[in-house]
Protein backbone atom coordinates (compact mmCIF):
# COMPACT_ATOMS: atom_id res chain seq x y z
CA MET A 1 117.94 122.87 93.00
CA GLU A 2 114.91 124.85 94.18
CA MET A 3 112.61 123.72 96.98
CA ILE A 4 109.41 122.19 95.64
CA GLY A 5 106.43 124.23 96.82
CA ASN A 6 103.15 122.61 97.76
CA ARG A 7 100.66 124.07 95.31
CA LEU A 8 97.71 122.20 96.83
CA LYS A 9 98.35 123.69 100.25
CA GLN A 10 98.54 127.18 98.81
CA VAL A 11 95.31 127.02 96.82
CA LEU A 12 93.47 125.51 99.78
CA VAL A 13 94.73 128.31 102.01
CA ASP A 14 93.36 130.69 99.36
CA LYS A 15 89.96 128.95 99.75
CA GLN A 16 89.83 127.61 96.20
CA LEU A 17 87.72 124.52 95.51
CA GLN A 18 89.84 121.48 94.67
CA VAL A 19 88.19 118.35 93.24
CA GLY A 20 90.02 115.07 93.06
CA CYS A 21 90.13 111.41 92.15
CA TRP A 22 90.80 108.46 94.47
CA LEU A 23 93.39 105.94 93.23
CA SER A 24 92.63 102.48 94.61
CA LEU A 25 93.56 100.07 91.81
CA GLY A 26 97.32 100.12 92.35
CA SER A 27 97.69 100.57 88.60
CA HIS A 28 100.37 102.83 87.13
CA THR A 29 98.33 103.25 83.97
CA ALA A 30 95.17 104.19 85.86
CA ALA A 31 97.17 106.66 87.96
CA GLU A 32 98.59 108.29 84.83
CA ILE A 33 95.18 108.43 83.10
CA CYS A 34 93.54 110.08 86.11
CA ALA A 35 96.43 112.44 86.85
CA SER A 36 96.36 113.67 83.26
CA ALA A 37 92.56 114.07 83.11
CA GLY A 38 92.46 117.51 84.68
CA PHE A 39 91.64 116.77 88.33
CA ASP A 40 93.08 119.25 90.81
CA TRP A 41 94.46 116.34 92.81
CA VAL A 42 94.69 112.58 92.90
CA LEU A 43 94.95 110.52 96.06
CA ILE A 44 96.92 107.29 96.36
CA ASP A 45 95.06 105.20 98.92
CA MET A 46 96.91 102.87 101.28
CA GLU A 47 94.10 102.24 103.78
CA HIS A 48 91.56 100.44 101.59
CA ALA A 49 93.72 99.55 98.58
CA PRO A 50 96.59 97.13 97.88
CA ASN A 51 99.24 99.87 97.89
CA ASP A 52 102.30 99.39 100.06
CA VAL A 53 105.26 101.79 100.22
CA PRO A 54 107.10 100.59 97.07
CA GLN A 55 103.84 100.68 95.12
CA VAL A 56 103.23 104.25 96.27
CA LEU A 57 106.61 105.21 94.81
CA HIS A 58 105.68 103.68 91.45
CA LEU A 59 102.36 105.54 91.41
CA LEU A 60 104.13 108.79 92.32
CA HIS A 61 106.36 108.26 89.28
CA ALA A 62 103.33 107.63 87.06
CA ALA A 63 101.49 110.79 88.17
CA ALA A 64 104.45 113.14 88.58
CA ALA A 65 104.51 114.41 84.99
CA TYR A 66 101.05 115.98 85.22
CA PRO A 67 99.67 119.10 86.92
CA SER A 68 97.46 117.27 89.44
CA SER A 69 98.69 117.51 93.01
CA ILE A 70 99.36 114.15 94.62
CA VAL A 71 98.00 113.19 98.04
CA VAL A 72 98.61 109.91 99.87
CA ARG A 73 96.27 108.44 102.46
CA ALA A 74 98.35 106.53 104.98
CA TYR A 75 96.88 103.28 106.21
CA TRP A 76 97.18 104.51 109.82
CA ASN A 77 98.47 107.33 111.97
CA ASP A 78 101.87 105.67 112.16
CA THR A 79 105.02 107.74 112.65
CA VAL A 80 107.32 105.33 110.82
CA LEU A 81 105.00 104.95 107.84
CA ILE A 82 104.54 108.72 107.59
CA LYS A 83 108.31 109.22 107.68
CA ARG A 84 108.76 106.81 104.80
CA LEU A 85 106.07 108.52 102.72
CA LEU A 86 107.61 111.94 103.32
CA ASP A 87 111.02 110.62 102.28
CA LEU A 88 109.43 109.44 99.01
CA GLY A 89 108.57 113.07 98.32
CA VAL A 90 104.95 113.06 99.46
CA GLN A 91 104.01 116.56 100.63
CA SER A 92 100.25 116.14 101.10
CA LEU A 93 98.95 113.50 103.49
CA LEU A 94 95.55 112.31 104.65
CA VAL A 95 95.59 110.45 107.98
CA PRO A 96 92.56 108.24 108.73
CA ASN A 97 90.42 107.96 111.84
CA VAL A 98 91.73 110.80 113.98
CA GLN A 99 89.46 111.09 117.00
CA THR A 100 91.35 113.09 119.64
CA VAL A 101 93.69 116.04 120.05
CA GLU A 102 96.43 113.63 121.08
CA GLU A 103 96.08 111.68 117.82
CA ALA A 104 96.11 114.91 115.81
CA LYS A 105 99.28 116.05 117.58
CA LEU A 106 100.90 112.67 116.85
CA ALA A 107 100.26 113.17 113.13
CA VAL A 108 101.65 116.71 113.22
CA GLU A 109 104.80 115.60 115.04
CA ALA A 110 105.31 112.84 112.48
CA VAL A 111 105.49 115.31 109.57
CA ARG A 112 107.83 117.80 111.25
CA TYR A 113 111.56 117.70 111.86
CA PRO A 114 112.93 118.28 115.37
CA PRO A 115 112.57 120.33 117.46
CA ARG A 116 108.98 120.84 116.22
CA GLY A 117 108.41 117.14 115.63
CA VAL A 118 109.96 113.69 115.45
CA ARG A 119 110.46 113.09 111.72
CA GLY A 120 113.65 111.15 111.10
CA VAL A 121 116.33 112.81 108.99
CA SER A 122 117.55 111.47 105.66
CA ALA A 123 119.92 113.73 103.73
CA ASN A 124 119.69 111.67 100.53
CA SER A 125 116.11 110.82 99.61
CA ARG A 126 113.62 111.56 96.85
CA SER A 127 112.04 114.26 99.03
CA ASN A 128 115.15 116.45 98.94
CA ARG A 129 116.05 115.30 95.42
CA PHE A 130 118.85 113.17 96.76
CA GLY A 131 120.56 115.97 98.64
CA ARG A 132 120.29 118.54 95.84
CA ILE A 133 117.78 120.88 97.54
CA LYS A 134 120.10 122.75 99.87
CA ASP A 135 117.46 124.49 101.99
CA TYR A 136 115.17 121.47 102.25
CA PHE A 137 115.46 121.02 106.00
CA GLN A 138 114.69 124.69 106.62
CA ARG A 139 111.54 124.66 104.48
CA ALA A 140 110.17 121.11 104.50
CA ASN A 141 107.88 121.50 107.52
CA ASP A 142 106.08 124.45 105.97
CA GLU A 143 105.42 122.69 102.66
CA VAL A 144 103.53 119.74 104.17
CA CYS A 145 99.75 119.75 103.80
CA LEU A 146 98.31 117.56 106.55
CA MET A 147 94.67 116.58 106.60
CA VAL A 148 93.02 114.24 109.08
CA GLN A 149 89.86 112.21 108.71
CA ILE A 150 86.86 112.66 110.97
CA GLU A 151 84.85 109.47 110.75
CA THR A 152 83.47 108.68 114.22
CA ARG A 153 81.14 110.24 116.76
CA GLN A 154 84.16 110.86 119.00
CA GLY A 155 85.89 112.68 116.17
CA LEU A 156 82.83 114.88 115.72
CA ASP A 157 82.71 115.59 119.44
CA ASN A 158 86.36 116.71 119.37
CA LEU A 159 86.22 118.48 116.01
CA GLU A 160 87.00 122.02 117.15
CA ALA A 161 89.80 120.86 119.43
CA ILE A 162 91.36 118.81 116.60
CA ALA A 163 91.02 121.74 114.20
CA ALA A 164 92.80 123.98 116.69
CA VAL A 165 95.96 121.83 116.64
CA ASP A 166 98.78 123.77 114.98
CA GLY A 167 99.84 121.95 111.83
CA ILE A 168 96.44 120.51 110.88
CA ASP A 169 95.47 122.04 107.51
CA GLY A 170 92.17 120.32 106.88
CA LEU A 171 89.60 117.91 108.25
CA PHE A 172 88.10 115.35 105.88
CA ILE A 173 84.75 113.68 106.50
CA GLY A 174 84.68 109.91 105.85
CA PRO A 175 80.99 109.21 105.09
CA GLN A 176 80.99 105.41 105.25
CA ASP A 177 82.83 105.01 108.54
CA LEU A 178 80.95 107.91 110.09
CA ALA A 179 77.66 106.31 109.05
CA ALA A 180 78.74 103.02 110.59
CA ASP A 181 79.76 104.66 113.87
CA LEU A 182 76.45 106.53 114.02
CA GLY A 183 74.58 103.22 113.70
CA HIS A 184 73.81 103.30 109.97
CA LEU A 185 76.31 100.88 108.45
CA GLY A 186 76.31 101.08 104.64
CA ASN A 187 73.88 104.02 104.60
CA PRO A 188 75.74 107.35 104.51
CA GLY A 189 72.62 108.83 102.94
CA HIS A 190 70.63 108.43 106.17
CA VAL A 191 69.14 111.72 107.29
CA GLU A 192 71.05 111.63 110.61
CA VAL A 193 74.37 111.03 108.87
CA ARG A 194 73.82 113.73 106.26
CA ALA A 195 72.86 116.21 108.95
CA ALA A 196 76.02 115.37 110.91
CA MET A 197 78.21 115.73 107.83
CA GLY A 198 76.73 119.06 106.82
CA GLU A 199 77.13 120.44 110.32
CA ALA A 200 80.71 119.12 110.48
CA LEU A 201 81.66 120.89 107.24
CA ARG A 202 80.32 124.16 108.59
CA ARG A 203 82.15 123.69 111.90
CA ILE A 204 85.43 122.94 110.12
CA ASP A 205 85.12 126.07 108.01
CA LYS A 206 84.25 128.16 111.06
CA ALA A 207 87.36 126.80 112.77
CA GLY A 208 89.45 128.16 109.90
CA LYS A 209 90.51 124.82 108.43
CA VAL A 210 89.84 123.21 105.04
CA PRO A 211 86.60 121.17 104.96
CA GLY A 212 86.87 117.99 102.90
CA ILE A 213 84.63 115.06 102.02
CA LEU A 214 84.29 112.06 99.72
CA ALA A 215 81.23 112.10 97.47
CA PHE A 216 81.27 109.96 94.33
CA ALA A 217 77.67 110.77 93.34
CA GLU A 218 77.62 114.01 91.35
CA ALA A 219 74.55 115.36 93.14
CA ASP A 220 76.11 114.65 96.54
CA ALA A 221 79.40 116.28 95.58
CA LYS A 222 77.65 119.43 94.37
CA HIS A 223 75.52 119.50 97.51
CA TRP A 224 78.53 119.29 99.83
CA ILE A 225 80.37 121.93 97.81
CA SER A 226 77.36 124.19 98.33
CA GLU A 227 77.68 123.42 102.06
CA GLY A 228 81.29 124.65 102.07
CA ALA A 229 83.44 121.62 101.20
CA ARG A 230 86.60 122.71 99.37
CA PHE A 231 88.62 119.47 99.15
CA VAL A 232 86.25 117.00 97.50
CA ALA A 233 86.86 113.51 96.15
CA VAL A 234 84.34 113.27 93.30
CA THR A 235 85.28 109.88 91.85
CA GLY A 236 87.86 107.10 91.88
CA ASP A 237 89.64 104.83 89.44
CA ALA A 238 88.00 101.65 90.76
CA PHE A 239 84.60 103.38 90.96
CA LEU A 240 84.84 104.60 87.36
CA LEU A 241 85.84 101.18 86.04
CA ALA A 242 83.14 99.34 88.00
CA ARG A 243 80.26 101.67 87.13
CA SER A 244 81.28 102.26 83.50
CA SER A 245 81.76 98.54 82.79
CA GLU A 246 78.34 97.84 84.29
CA ALA A 247 76.82 100.52 82.05
CA VAL A 248 78.34 98.97 78.94
CA VAL A 249 77.07 95.51 79.87
CA LYS A 250 73.60 96.93 80.54
CA ALA A 251 73.55 98.64 77.14
CA PHE A 252 74.09 95.35 75.34
CA LYS A 253 72.14 92.98 77.60
CA ARG A 254 68.78 94.68 77.95
């Protein structure tokens, strides 16, 4: 059996814009609907959604039949959790709240086999198609797309140093947490926060890494794309259901 290449990593390296959908509902049906809608990628969220490791596997099954690349956001920069996700066949990971070079290196080590990292070895898992991919261990490290979230003032201060860590493919701005850490809880649209995010995107691009951001408002998403963002979450399953259901109610209860 052939090694499974990471298409998302390749197109991001080629500087192609990739827009995606956040999966927070923990619903197989929602995952399948969104994965088949035409998004470049979908992200299974573990940090702010009720998705544990077995649920992630079910959602991977639901989305696997469609062209969208699948990303998983781990709930923390945890070596054991990351190992389990990789063994499930996850090749693209988003790690939250990385603030220092040391934390970035920890994430990189977690996704790599020894001697380049500390990933535990399973010869019979979904990642290597249950032992059927014969060159898996030789190629697995290179097919992982690892992105880390910058969502604090400390993360911004260390941005270039984090970007310089070998093995970090992209840096993803978390608007809500960044706004909170900058003193504007619940207001990522504050002029100070927007200025910081725009500058961060430019710094990430200058550092040679993929700039990413979450922006569920269409105008915001298009603005950040114009500022250089290439990995952009433009909506989510829970967001779509909440806003669309409100719109239907409003149409009939004027």
